[in-house]
N, C-alpha and C. Protein backbone atom coordinates (compact mmCIF):
# COMPACT_ATOMS: atom_id res chain seq x y z
N UNK A 1 0.95 -1.18 -0.04
CA UNK A 1 0.03 -0.03 0.00
C UNK A 1 0.81 1.25 -0.01
N UNK A 2 1.95 1.23 0.74
CA UNK A 2 2.80 2.32 0.75
C UNK A 2 3.61 2.57 -0.68
N UNK A 3 3.76 1.46 -1.15
CA UNK A 3 4.34 1.53 -2.68
C UNK A 3 3.40 2.14 -3.74
N UNK A 4 2.21 1.95 -3.58
CA UNK A 4 1.05 2.51 -4.33
C UNK A 4 1.17 3.87 -4.25
N UNK A 5 1.33 4.54 -3.09
CA UNK A 5 1.17 5.88 -2.85
C UNK A 5 2.38 6.71 -3.36
N UNK A 6 3.60 5.95 -3.21
CA UNK A 6 4.82 6.54 -3.95
C UNK A 6 4.74 6.57 -5.46
N UNK A 7 4.15 5.73 -6.09
CA UNK A 7 4.12 5.71 -7.54
C UNK A 7 3.13 6.71 -8.15
N UNK A 8 2.20 6.97 -7.18
CA UNK A 8 1.12 7.87 -7.73
C UNK A 8 1.57 9.52 -7.45
N UNK A 9 2.48 9.73 -6.78
CA UNK A 9 2.98 11.19 -6.49
C UNK A 9 3.62 11.62 -7.63
N UNK A 10 3.41 12.96 -7.81
CA UNK A 10 4.16 13.62 -9.07
C UNK A 10 5.65 13.73 -8.75
N UNK A 11 6.31 13.78 -9.83
CA UNK A 11 7.79 13.82 -9.91
C UNK A 11 8.36 15.18 -10.39
N UNK A 12 7.82 16.26 -9.93
CA UNK A 12 8.37 17.47 -10.57
C UNK A 12 9.35 18.19 -9.63
N UNK A 13 9.67 19.29 -9.83
CA UNK A 13 10.81 19.92 -9.06
C UNK A 13 10.10 20.61 -7.85
N UNK A 14 8.93 20.97 -7.90
CA UNK A 14 8.12 21.79 -6.97
C UNK A 14 7.78 20.85 -5.88
N UNK A 15 7.56 19.63 -6.01
CA UNK A 15 7.24 18.73 -5.03
C UNK A 15 8.39 18.00 -4.23
N UNK A 16 9.52 18.21 -4.99
CA UNK A 16 10.73 17.56 -4.15
C UNK A 16 11.46 18.27 -3.31
N UNK A 17 10.75 19.66 -3.07
CA UNK A 17 11.44 20.46 -2.19
C UNK A 17 10.93 20.03 -0.75
N UNK A 18 11.90 20.42 0.26
CA UNK A 18 11.44 20.06 1.66
C UNK A 18 10.35 20.86 2.02
N UNK A 19 9.29 20.40 2.88
CA UNK A 19 8.31 21.32 3.36
C UNK A 19 8.84 22.33 4.23
N UNK A 20 8.32 23.60 4.25
CA UNK A 20 8.84 24.62 5.06
C UNK A 20 8.39 24.21 6.43
N UNK A 21 9.35 24.68 7.42
CA UNK A 21 8.87 24.53 8.85
C UNK A 21 7.70 25.21 9.24
N UNK A 22 6.89 24.29 9.94
CA UNK A 22 5.64 25.03 10.28
C UNK A 22 5.82 26.18 11.43
N UNK A 23 5.17 27.09 11.20
CA UNK A 23 5.31 28.45 11.99
C UNK A 23 4.28 28.30 12.98
N UNK A 24 4.69 28.44 14.13
CA UNK A 24 3.78 28.58 15.41
C UNK A 24 2.85 29.76 15.43
N UNK A 25 1.55 29.38 15.28
CA UNK A 25 0.53 30.77 15.20
C UNK A 25 0.72 31.30 16.51
N UNK A 26 0.54 32.63 16.52
CA UNK A 26 0.49 33.29 17.70
C UNK A 26 -0.95 33.13 18.29
N UNK A 27 -1.06 32.71 19.42
CA UNK A 27 -2.42 32.66 20.04
C UNK A 27 -2.93 34.05 20.36
N UNK A 28 -4.34 34.02 20.13
CA UNK A 28 -5.04 35.45 20.14
C UNK A 28 -5.63 35.65 21.65
N UNK A 29 -5.55 34.48 22.31
CA UNK A 29 -5.96 34.43 23.58
C UNK A 29 -5.06 33.59 24.63
N UNK A 30 -5.19 34.03 25.69
CA UNK A 30 -4.42 33.44 26.71
C UNK A 30 -4.49 31.87 26.92
N UNK A 31 -3.56 31.28 27.49
CA UNK A 31 -3.61 29.68 27.58
C UNK A 31 -4.76 29.48 28.70
N UNK A 32 -5.02 30.28 29.77
CA UNK A 32 -6.10 29.92 30.76
C UNK A 32 -7.41 30.23 30.02
N UNK A 33 -7.50 31.13 29.32
CA UNK A 33 -8.88 31.39 28.65
C UNK A 33 -9.08 30.36 27.71
N UNK A 34 -8.14 29.75 27.04
CA UNK A 34 -8.54 28.59 26.03
C UNK A 34 -8.77 27.37 26.95
N UNK A 35 -8.01 27.22 28.06
CA UNK A 35 -8.31 26.15 28.86
C UNK A 35 -9.91 26.06 29.30
N UNK A 36 -10.19 27.27 29.75
CA UNK A 36 -11.59 27.42 30.24
C UNK A 36 -12.50 26.99 29.23
N UNK A 37 -12.25 27.61 27.95
CA UNK A 37 -13.14 27.26 26.84
C UNK A 37 -13.33 25.97 26.50
N UNK A 38 -12.05 25.10 26.60
CA UNK A 38 -11.87 23.69 26.37
C UNK A 38 -12.86 23.06 27.44
N UNK A 39 -12.83 23.49 28.67
CA UNK A 39 -13.52 22.68 29.63
C UNK A 39 -15.20 22.96 29.31
N UNK A 40 -15.48 24.30 28.89
CA UNK A 40 -16.84 24.57 28.59
C UNK A 40 -17.40 23.69 27.42
N UNK A 41 -16.60 23.54 26.43
CA UNK A 41 -16.84 22.56 25.39
C UNK A 41 -16.98 21.16 25.75
N UNK A 42 -16.24 20.78 26.74
CA UNK A 42 -16.48 19.20 27.31
C UNK A 42 -17.88 19.24 28.00
N UNK A 43 -18.07 20.21 28.74
CA UNK A 43 -19.42 20.28 29.47
C UNK A 43 -20.69 20.22 28.49
N UNK A 44 -20.51 21.00 27.35
CA UNK A 44 -21.68 20.95 26.49
C UNK A 44 -21.81 19.66 25.95
N UNK A 45 -20.50 19.19 25.49
CA UNK A 45 -20.72 17.78 24.80
C UNK A 45 -21.15 16.60 25.83
N UNK A 46 -20.86 16.83 27.12
CA UNK A 46 -21.56 15.86 27.98
C UNK A 46 -22.78 16.15 28.02
N UNK A 47 -23.38 17.40 28.24
CA UNK A 47 -24.73 17.58 28.36
C UNK A 47 -25.41 17.29 27.21
N UNK A 48 -24.88 17.31 25.98
CA UNK A 48 -25.61 17.00 24.67
C UNK A 48 -25.82 15.19 24.83
N UNK A 49 -24.69 14.66 25.20
CA UNK A 49 -24.70 13.24 25.40
C UNK A 49 -26.02 12.76 26.44
N UNK A 50 -26.00 13.66 27.55
CA UNK A 50 -27.11 13.26 28.48
C UNK A 50 -28.33 13.76 27.73
N UNK A 51 -28.54 14.87 27.23
CA UNK A 51 -29.95 15.00 26.45
C UNK A 51 -30.25 14.12 25.65
N UNK A 52 -29.20 13.50 24.74
CA UNK A 52 -29.69 12.50 23.84
C UNK A 52 -30.10 11.19 24.44
N UNK A 53 -29.40 10.72 25.67
CA UNK A 53 -29.91 9.66 26.44
C UNK A 53 -31.18 9.93 26.88
N UNK A 54 -31.61 11.02 27.26
CA UNK A 54 -33.03 11.40 27.78
C UNK A 54 -33.85 11.20 26.56
N UNK A 55 -33.49 11.77 25.57
CA UNK A 55 -34.37 11.85 24.37
C UNK A 55 -34.55 10.41 23.86
N UNK A 56 -33.52 9.47 23.88
CA UNK A 56 -33.61 8.06 23.55
C UNK A 56 -34.55 7.31 24.35
N UNK A 57 -34.48 7.62 25.63
CA UNK A 57 -35.32 6.84 26.74
C UNK A 57 -36.64 7.29 26.43
N UNK A 58 -36.89 8.69 26.34
CA UNK A 58 -38.30 9.10 25.99
C UNK A 58 -38.94 8.55 24.79
N UNK A 59 -38.05 8.22 23.70
CA UNK A 59 -38.53 7.80 22.54
C UNK A 59 -38.72 6.25 22.74
N UNK A 60 -38.12 5.72 23.54
CA UNK A 60 -38.33 4.13 23.77
C UNK A 60 -39.69 4.16 24.64
N UNK A 61 -39.89 5.17 25.59
CA UNK A 61 -41.17 4.99 26.29
C UNK A 61 -42.53 5.32 25.36
N UNK A 62 -42.14 6.17 24.30
CA UNK A 62 -43.32 6.43 23.58
C UNK A 62 -43.64 5.27 22.68
N UNK A 63 -42.65 4.61 22.14
CA UNK A 63 -42.65 3.43 21.40
C UNK A 63 -43.42 2.25 22.02
N UNK A 64 -42.91 1.99 23.35
CA UNK A 64 -43.81 1.02 24.29
C UNK A 64 -45.10 1.50 24.34
N UNK A 65 -45.57 2.64 24.59
CA UNK A 65 -46.78 2.95 24.56
C UNK A 65 -47.67 2.82 23.39
N UNK A 66 -46.93 3.19 22.25
CA UNK A 66 -47.59 3.12 21.15
C UNK A 66 -48.08 1.50 20.60
N UNK A 67 -47.03 0.88 21.16
CA UNK A 67 -47.10 -0.53 20.77
C UNK A 67 -48.23 -1.30 21.73
N UNK A 68 -48.20 -0.70 22.93
CA UNK A 68 -49.28 -1.44 23.69
C UNK A 68 -50.84 -0.79 23.40
N UNK A 69 -50.74 0.49 22.85
CA UNK A 69 -51.97 0.97 22.41
C UNK A 69 -52.47 0.02 21.21
N UNK A 70 -51.55 -0.34 20.30
CA UNK A 70 -51.76 -1.10 18.99
C UNK A 70 -52.28 -2.28 19.64
N UNK A 71 -51.56 -2.95 20.53
CA UNK A 71 -52.05 -4.23 20.84
C UNK A 71 -53.46 -4.27 21.44
N UNK A 72 -53.65 -3.24 22.29
CA UNK A 72 -55.04 -2.95 22.77
C UNK A 72 -56.12 -2.84 21.87
N UNK A 73 -55.76 -2.16 20.94
CA UNK A 73 -56.63 -1.80 19.78
C UNK A 73 -57.14 -3.31 18.94
N UNK A 74 -56.02 -3.95 18.72
CA UNK A 74 -56.28 -5.25 17.97
C UNK A 74 -57.13 -6.10 18.78
N UNK A 75 -56.81 -6.07 20.28
CA UNK A 75 -57.67 -7.03 21.01
C UNK A 75 -59.04 -6.55 21.00
N UNK A 76 -59.36 -5.33 21.05
CA UNK A 76 -60.73 -4.68 21.04
C UNK A 76 -61.37 -5.07 19.70
N UNK A 77 -60.77 -4.92 18.72
CA UNK A 77 -61.29 -5.12 17.41
C UNK A 77 -61.65 -6.71 17.29
N UNK A 78 -60.81 -7.52 17.84
CA UNK A 78 -61.08 -8.94 17.63
C UNK A 78 -62.16 -9.20 18.53
N UNK A 79 -62.41 -8.58 19.74
CA UNK A 79 -63.63 -8.91 20.56
C UNK A 79 -64.86 -8.57 19.91
N UNK A 80 -64.80 -7.28 19.12
CA UNK A 80 -66.06 -6.71 18.47
C UNK A 80 -66.18 -7.76 17.53
N UNK A 81 -65.26 -8.24 16.51
CA UNK A 81 -65.53 -9.17 15.49
C UNK A 81 -66.16 -10.38 15.96
N UNK A 82 -65.86 -10.99 17.43
CA UNK A 82 -66.33 -12.14 18.09
C UNK A 82 -67.84 -11.76 18.39
N UNK A 83 -68.04 -10.60 18.84
CA UNK A 83 -69.35 -10.19 19.26
C UNK A 83 -70.29 -10.19 18.01
N UNK A 84 -69.94 -9.57 17.07
CA UNK A 84 -70.72 -9.65 15.78
C UNK A 84 -71.03 -10.87 15.39
N UNK A 85 -69.96 -11.86 15.22
CA UNK A 85 -70.24 -13.22 14.84
C UNK A 85 -71.21 -13.97 15.80
N UNK A 86 -71.23 -13.74 17.00
CA UNK A 86 -72.17 -14.37 17.94
C UNK A 86 -73.42 -13.79 17.72
N UNK A 87 -73.53 -12.53 17.50
CA UNK A 87 -75.00 -11.99 17.25
C UNK A 87 -75.46 -12.48 15.86
N UNK A 88 -74.65 -12.45 15.00
CA UNK A 88 -75.05 -13.24 13.69
C UNK A 88 -75.77 -14.54 13.83
N UNK A 89 -75.04 -15.26 14.77
CA UNK A 89 -75.34 -16.81 14.86
C UNK A 89 -76.72 -16.83 15.59
N UNK A 90 -76.60 -15.97 16.66
CA UNK A 90 -77.92 -15.82 17.38
C UNK A 90 -79.13 -15.47 16.41
N UNK A 91 -78.92 -14.56 15.64
CA UNK A 91 -79.97 -14.20 14.64
C UNK A 91 -80.25 -15.37 13.74
N UNK A 92 -79.35 -16.00 13.21
CA UNK A 92 -79.69 -17.34 12.40
C UNK A 92 -80.46 -18.30 13.22
N UNK A 93 -80.05 -18.43 14.60
CA UNK A 93 -80.67 -19.51 15.39
C UNK A 93 -82.14 -19.02 15.52
N UNK A 94 -82.32 -17.75 15.72
CA UNK A 94 -83.75 -17.34 16.10
C UNK A 94 -84.61 -17.59 14.82
N UNK A 95 -83.99 -17.06 13.78
CA UNK A 95 -84.66 -17.27 12.47
C UNK A 95 -85.01 -18.70 12.40
N UNK A 96 -84.27 -19.73 12.69
CA UNK A 96 -84.60 -21.27 12.51
C UNK A 96 -85.57 -21.48 13.43
N UNK A 97 -85.61 -20.95 14.66
CA UNK A 97 -86.78 -21.16 15.55
C UNK A 97 -88.07 -20.87 15.06
N UNK A 98 -88.08 -19.58 14.56
CA UNK A 98 -89.41 -18.93 13.94
C UNK A 98 -89.81 -19.80 12.68
N UNK A 99 -88.99 -20.30 11.93
CA UNK A 99 -89.45 -21.23 10.70
C UNK A 99 -89.87 -22.63 11.47
N UNK A 100 -89.41 -22.92 12.56
CA UNK A 100 -89.76 -24.21 13.05
C UNK A 100 -91.28 -23.90 13.68
N UNK A 101 -91.52 -22.90 14.16
CA UNK A 101 -92.80 -22.47 14.61
C UNK A 101 -93.74 -22.48 13.51
N UNK A 102 -93.38 -21.80 12.56
CA UNK A 102 -94.36 -21.69 11.33
C UNK A 102 -94.66 -23.04 10.63
N UNK A 103 -93.57 -24.00 10.69
CA UNK A 103 -93.83 -25.34 10.19
C UNK A 103 -94.95 -26.14 11.13
N UNK A 104 -94.67 -25.91 12.46
CA UNK A 104 -95.62 -26.46 13.28
C UNK A 104 -97.09 -26.13 13.08
N UNK A 105 -97.22 -24.83 13.00
CA UNK A 105 -98.39 -24.20 12.77
C UNK A 105 -99.07 -24.71 11.48
N UNK A 106 -98.24 -24.81 10.62
CA UNK A 106 -98.76 -25.29 9.17
C UNK A 106 -99.28 -26.67 9.20
N UNK A 107 -98.68 -27.42 9.92
CA UNK A 107 -99.01 -28.83 10.08
C UNK A 107 -100.10 -28.91 10.94
N UNK A 108 -100.20 -28.03 11.94
CA UNK A 108 -101.52 -28.00 12.62
C UNK A 108 -102.71 -27.55 12.09
N UNK A 109 -102.48 -26.73 11.18
CA UNK A 109 -103.85 -26.10 10.23
C UNK A 109 -104.11 -27.09 9.17
N UNK A 110 -103.15 -28.08 8.84
CA UNK A 110 -103.52 -29.04 7.92
C UNK A 110 -104.57 -29.95 8.66
N UNK A 111 -104.17 -30.35 9.95
CA UNK A 111 -105.02 -31.10 10.86
C UNK A 111 -106.47 -30.62 10.98
N UNK A 112 -106.44 -29.20 11.15
CA UNK A 112 -107.53 -28.62 11.25
C UNK A 112 -108.51 -28.86 9.90
N UNK A 113 -108.07 -28.68 8.84
CA UNK A 113 -108.61 -29.04 7.59
C UNK A 113 -109.11 -30.39 7.65
N UNK A 114 -108.41 -31.41 8.20
CA UNK A 114 -108.83 -32.55 8.15
C UNK A 114 -110.01 -32.83 9.15
N UNK A 115 -110.34 -31.95 10.02
CA UNK A 115 -111.55 -32.00 10.68
C UNK A 115 -111.35 -32.41 12.26
N UNK A 116 -110.24 -32.67 12.67
CA UNK A 116 -109.92 -33.16 13.90
C UNK A 116 -109.53 -32.00 14.82
N UNK A 117 -110.74 -31.18 15.33
CA UNK A 117 -110.30 -30.15 15.95
C UNK A 117 -109.68 -29.99 17.44
N UNK A 118 -110.19 -31.19 18.01
CA UNK A 118 -109.69 -31.43 19.41
C UNK A 118 -108.18 -31.48 19.33
N UNK A 119 -107.70 -32.43 18.66
CA UNK A 119 -106.24 -32.73 18.43
C UNK A 119 -105.51 -31.60 17.92
N UNK A 120 -106.01 -30.80 17.03
CA UNK A 120 -105.56 -29.72 16.37
C UNK A 120 -105.04 -28.68 17.58
N UNK A 121 -106.15 -28.41 18.47
CA UNK A 121 -105.73 -27.51 19.63
C UNK A 121 -104.74 -27.90 20.33
N UNK A 122 -104.50 -29.27 20.72
CA UNK A 122 -103.56 -29.78 21.34
C UNK A 122 -102.32 -29.60 20.56
N UNK A 123 -102.30 -29.94 19.36
CA UNK A 123 -101.12 -29.72 18.51
C UNK A 123 -100.59 -28.33 18.28
N UNK A 124 -101.50 -27.28 18.34
CA UNK A 124 -101.17 -25.94 18.41
C UNK A 124 -100.36 -25.60 19.48
N UNK A 125 -100.81 -25.98 20.73
CA UNK A 125 -100.53 -25.65 21.98
C UNK A 125 -98.98 -26.37 21.97
N UNK A 126 -98.96 -27.69 21.58
CA UNK A 126 -97.68 -28.27 21.69
C UNK A 126 -96.58 -27.62 20.94
N UNK A 127 -97.10 -27.08 19.61
CA UNK A 127 -96.14 -26.33 18.82
C UNK A 127 -95.82 -25.29 19.49
N UNK A 128 -96.72 -24.42 20.01
CA UNK A 128 -96.38 -23.21 20.69
C UNK A 128 -95.22 -23.49 21.72
N UNK A 129 -95.52 -24.57 22.60
CA UNK A 129 -94.52 -24.85 23.61
C UNK A 129 -93.21 -25.27 23.17
N UNK A 130 -93.19 -26.12 22.07
CA UNK A 130 -91.89 -26.54 21.47
C UNK A 130 -91.20 -25.29 21.02
N UNK A 131 -91.94 -24.67 20.19
CA UNK A 131 -91.32 -23.35 19.44
C UNK A 131 -90.84 -22.23 20.38
N UNK A 132 -91.62 -22.04 21.39
CA UNK A 132 -91.34 -21.09 22.33
C UNK A 132 -89.93 -21.25 23.03
N UNK A 133 -89.18 -19.97 23.40
CA UNK A 133 -87.90 -20.32 24.09
C UNK A 133 -88.34 -20.82 25.73
N UNK A 134 -87.44 -21.34 26.25
CA UNK A 134 -87.47 -21.83 27.64
C UNK A 134 -87.94 -20.84 28.47
N UNK A 135 -89.09 -21.20 29.38
CA UNK A 135 -89.38 -20.16 30.24
C UNK A 135 -89.17 -20.67 31.74
N UNK A 136 -89.28 -19.69 32.38
CA UNK A 136 -89.07 -19.98 33.84
C UNK A 136 -90.19 -20.85 34.61
N UNK A 137 -89.89 -21.46 35.76
CA UNK A 137 -90.80 -22.26 36.19
C UNK A 137 -92.24 -21.48 36.58
N UNK A 138 -92.08 -20.29 37.08
CA UNK A 138 -93.55 -19.63 37.38
C UNK A 138 -94.23 -19.53 36.07
N UNK A 139 -93.78 -19.01 34.82
CA UNK A 139 -94.29 -18.87 33.83
C UNK A 139 -94.82 -20.19 33.24
N UNK A 140 -94.23 -21.24 33.40
CA UNK A 140 -94.54 -22.78 32.92
C UNK A 140 -96.03 -23.05 33.71
N UNK A 141 -95.98 -22.94 34.96
CA UNK A 141 -97.13 -23.14 35.63
C UNK A 141 -98.40 -22.48 35.22
N UNK A 142 -98.28 -21.01 34.92
CA UNK A 142 -99.55 -20.19 34.38
C UNK A 142 -99.88 -20.96 33.14
N UNK A 143 -98.92 -21.08 32.16
CA UNK A 143 -99.08 -21.67 30.96
C UNK A 143 -100.00 -23.00 31.00
N UNK A 144 -99.53 -23.93 32.05
CA UNK A 144 -100.29 -25.31 32.10
C UNK A 144 -101.67 -25.14 32.80
N UNK A 145 -101.78 -24.20 33.70
CA UNK A 145 -103.04 -23.82 34.07
C UNK A 145 -103.94 -23.28 33.03
N UNK A 146 -103.41 -22.47 32.29
CA UNK A 146 -104.46 -21.94 31.18
C UNK A 146 -104.67 -23.19 30.07
N UNK A 147 -103.78 -23.87 29.89
CA UNK A 147 -103.86 -25.11 28.92
C UNK A 147 -105.09 -26.05 29.33
N UNK A 148 -104.99 -26.34 30.58
CA UNK A 148 -105.95 -27.25 31.29
C UNK A 148 -107.31 -26.62 31.12
N UNK A 149 -107.61 -25.35 31.56
CA UNK A 149 -108.80 -24.73 31.39
C UNK A 149 -109.36 -24.59 30.20
N UNK A 150 -108.46 -24.46 28.92
CA UNK A 150 -108.89 -24.43 27.68
C UNK A 150 -109.30 -25.67 27.38
N UNK A 151 -108.62 -26.78 27.74
CA UNK A 151 -109.06 -28.16 27.12
C UNK A 151 -110.43 -28.53 27.81
N UNK A 152 -110.76 -28.21 29.01
CA UNK A 152 -111.98 -28.45 29.63
C UNK A 152 -113.17 -27.70 29.02
N UNK A 153 -112.88 -26.55 28.54
CA UNK A 153 -113.95 -25.81 28.01
C UNK A 153 -114.48 -26.18 26.53
């Protein structure tokens, strides 16, 4: 590598002269003032380093907060999607129940057309009980007493 630099240098008379001795520049300020300025420059450098460390730490905190917020938002959106799907399934299930009730009523009305009125009343009541959602015990008792009074009349 040293040989490469030697061959690339020019070989004219001007470059073969010895370099002139460096002249000492006369300082414009006293040594004590320059030393004080050097110390102040060091302090500024240290302060900059501390400030950059603080800025880096603050940026890291912001990144952590943003990441947590993004994760939280993703969890929320996922939960909303689950809730939507559950609502859709419930709607489909309730639609199936109503179609089941309609089919039971249709079958009961066919029996009415056949002329078997007593059995159709029972069939209608059974269809209503089967198609209706589950009721509490108190409501069931009221329904059963109404059904027995209707059958005797």
